[in-house]
Protein backbone atom coordinates (compact mmCIF):
# COMPACT_ATOMS: atom_id res chain seq x y z
CA MET A 1 -2.56 3.15 22.11
CA LEU A 2 -4.30 1.02 19.04
CA ASN A 3 -6.44 4.09 18.38
CA GLU A 4 -3.57 6.68 18.02
CA LEU A 5 -1.88 4.12 15.46
CA ILE A 6 -4.61 3.53 13.51
CA GLU A 7 -5.41 7.36 13.31
CA HIS A 8 -1.39 8.02 12.39
CA LEU A 9 -2.12 4.81 9.75
CA ILE A 10 -5.07 6.60 8.08
CA ASP A 11 -3.10 9.93 8.25
CA GLU A 12 -0.43 8.25 6.11
CA HIS A 13 -3.18 6.73 3.93
CA GLN A 14 -4.37 10.35 2.80
CA ILE A 15 -0.69 11.39 2.39
CA TYR A 16 0.21 8.45 -0.07
CA ASN A 17 -3.58 8.70 -1.80
CA LYS A 18 -2.60 12.19 -2.58
CA LYS A 19 0.88 11.20 -4.25
CA MET A 20 -0.75 8.24 -5.86
CA ARG A 21 -3.18 10.70 -7.86
CA ASP A 22 -0.10 13.24 -8.56
CA PHE A 23 1.79 10.25 -10.00
CA GLN A 24 -1.36 8.97 -12.15
CA LYS A 25 -1.33 12.60 -13.57
CA GLN A 26 2.27 12.75 -14.16
CA LEU A 27 2.38 9.40 -15.81
CA GLU A 28 -0.14 10.72 -18.57
CA GLU A 29 1.34 13.93 -18.87
CA ASN A 30 4.99 13.73 -18.69
CA PHE A 31 5.93 10.21 -18.69
CA SER A 32 9.81 9.47 -18.10
CA ASN A 33 11.80 6.79 -17.15
CA GLU A 34 12.90 9.12 -13.95
CA LEU A 35 9.16 9.22 -13.17
CA VAL A 36 8.55 5.47 -13.24
CA GLU A 37 11.75 4.91 -10.82
CA GLU A 38 10.49 7.58 -8.42
CA ILE A 39 7.18 5.86 -8.51
CA ILE A 40 8.88 2.28 -8.16
CA ASN A 41 10.85 3.83 -5.08
CA PHE A 42 7.84 5.34 -3.86
CA LEU A 43 6.32 1.96 -3.77
CA GLU A 44 9.26 -0.10 -2.47
CA LYS A 45 10.11 2.39 0.46
CA ASP A 46 7.08 4.49 1.46
CA ILE A 47 4.19 2.16 0.81
CA GLU A 48 6.35 -0.76 2.19
CA GLU A 49 7.33 0.99 5.22
CA HIS A 50 3.75 1.86 5.91
CA ALA A 51 2.85 -2.04 5.19
CA GLU A 52 5.64 -3.06 7.75
CA LYS A 53 4.10 -0.72 10.36
CA GLU A 54 0.94 -2.31 10.25
CA GLU A 55 2.42 -5.98 9.99
CA ASN A 56 4.65 -5.07 13.14
CA ASP A 57 3.54 -2.36 15.12
CA LEU A 58 -0.41 -2.62 14.91
CA VAL A 59 -0.56 -6.69 14.81
CA ASP A 60 2.09 -6.26 17.99
CA ALA A 61 -0.55 -3.66 19.41
CA ILE A 62 -3.30 -6.09 18.81
CA LEU A 63 -1.61 -9.50 20.03
CA LYS A 64 -1.24 -7.42 23.37
CA VAL A 65 -4.83 -7.18 23.91
CA ASN A 66 -5.70 -10.52 21.81
CA PRO A 67 -3.15 -12.99 21.65
CA ASP A 68 -5.30 -15.03 19.51
CA TYR A 69 -5.71 -12.72 16.70
CA ASP A 70 -5.17 -13.91 13.19
CA GLU A 71 -3.20 -11.31 11.38
CA GLU A 72 -2.82 -13.02 8.21
CA ALA A 73 -5.59 -10.82 6.60
CA ILE A 74 -3.55 -7.81 6.78
CA ILE A 75 -0.36 -9.82 5.48
CA PHE A 76 -2.40 -11.11 2.59
CA GLY A 77 -3.31 -7.48 1.42
CA HIS A 78 0.36 -6.20 1.61
CA ASN A 79 1.59 -9.06 -0.39
CA THR A 80 -0.99 -8.76 -3.23
CA ILE A 81 0.46 -5.10 -3.28
CA ARG A 82 4.05 -6.64 -3.18
CA GLU A 83 2.98 -8.38 -6.26
CA ALA A 84 1.57 -5.54 -8.11
CA VAL A 85 4.97 -3.74 -7.31
CA GLN A 86 6.74 -6.48 -8.95
CA ASP A 87 4.70 -6.44 -11.81
CA LEU A 88 5.06 -2.89 -12.45
CA LYS A 89 8.98 -3.52 -11.81
CA ASP A 90 9.45 -6.43 -14.55
CA THR A 91 7.49 -4.36 -17.14
CA TYR A 92 9.71 -1.30 -16.41
CA GLU A 93 12.99 -3.66 -16.97
CA GLU A 94 11.11 -5.01 -20.23
CA PHE A 95 10.85 -1.47 -21.32
CA LYS A 96 14.10 -0.30 -20.84
CA GLN A 97 15.23 -3.54 -23.08
CA GLY A 98 12.51 -2.42 -25.93
CA LYS A 99 10.18 -5.35 -24.97
CA ALA A 100 7.48 -3.44 -23.37
CA LYS A 101 5.71 -0.09 -24.13
CA LYS A 102 4.92 2.94 -22.28
CA GLU A 103 1.34 2.12 -21.87
CA ASP A 104 2.26 -1.00 -20.26
CA ILE A 105 4.14 0.80 -17.38
CA ILE A 106 0.93 3.19 -17.20
CA LYS A 107 -1.05 0.05 -16.80
CA TYR A 108 0.96 -1.71 -14.10
CA ALA A 109 1.53 1.71 -12.38
CA ASN A 110 -2.04 2.57 -11.99
CA LYS A 111 -2.78 -1.23 -11.28
CA ALA A 112 -0.63 -1.09 -8.40
CA PHE A 113 -1.98 2.21 -7.25
CA THR A 114 -5.64 0.67 -7.49
CA ILE A 115 -4.78 -2.33 -5.37
CA VAL A 116 -2.80 0.09 -2.66
CA LYS A 117 -6.08 2.52 -2.46
CA ASP A 118 -8.49 -0.35 -2.54
CA HIS A 119 -6.79 -2.00 0.26
CA PHE A 120 -6.43 1.44 2.34
CA LEU A 121 -10.25 1.60 1.95
CA GLU A 122 -10.61 -1.89 3.14
CA GLU A 123 -8.42 -1.08 6.18
CA GLU A 124 -10.51 2.20 6.99
CA ASN A 125 -13.92 1.02 6.19
CA PHE A 126 -13.58 -2.67 7.50
CA LEU A 127 -10.41 -3.71 9.32
CA PHE A 128 -9.86 -0.57 11.61
CA PRO A 129 -13.55 -0.48 12.79
CA ASP A 130 -13.05 -4.00 13.81
CA ILE A 131 -10.02 -3.51 15.57
CA ARG A 132 -11.70 -0.49 17.56
CA ARG A 133 -14.71 -2.65 18.13
CA MET A 134 -12.66 -5.82 19.43
CA GLU A 135 -10.38 -3.59 21.77
CA LYS A 136 -13.40 -2.87 23.60
CA GLU A 137 -14.42 -6.26 23.90
CA TRP A 138 -11.03 -7.43 24.70
CA LEU A 139 -10.06 -4.95 27.31
């Protein structure tokens, strides 16, 4: 159960990493309000849904085999992503009011992408292997 869920989450990481690379290229080459709105929507919808799967489905699966598991590390990483998305949204609102520049939007979008990518790497290289190892010990 846990392994299948982890594999699904890793598959999503790969899809989302590609999408973020594409967005970064588009920001440099074809900046537009529509693109920024698409990026914000992607972060708020796709990345948030992915985070909720981890916070709900993954944590629930872990708690079934280890009721003492502390899920705060997972939630902390997601809250950091949420803060970066909010920074991008705030900067975009300032941009629409003429109080921020295109470069500011690109900077905050790239910051959000970097935080998401780093989070994925952390999960794939540390959290998920630890969960797999602990699952064998728990069962």
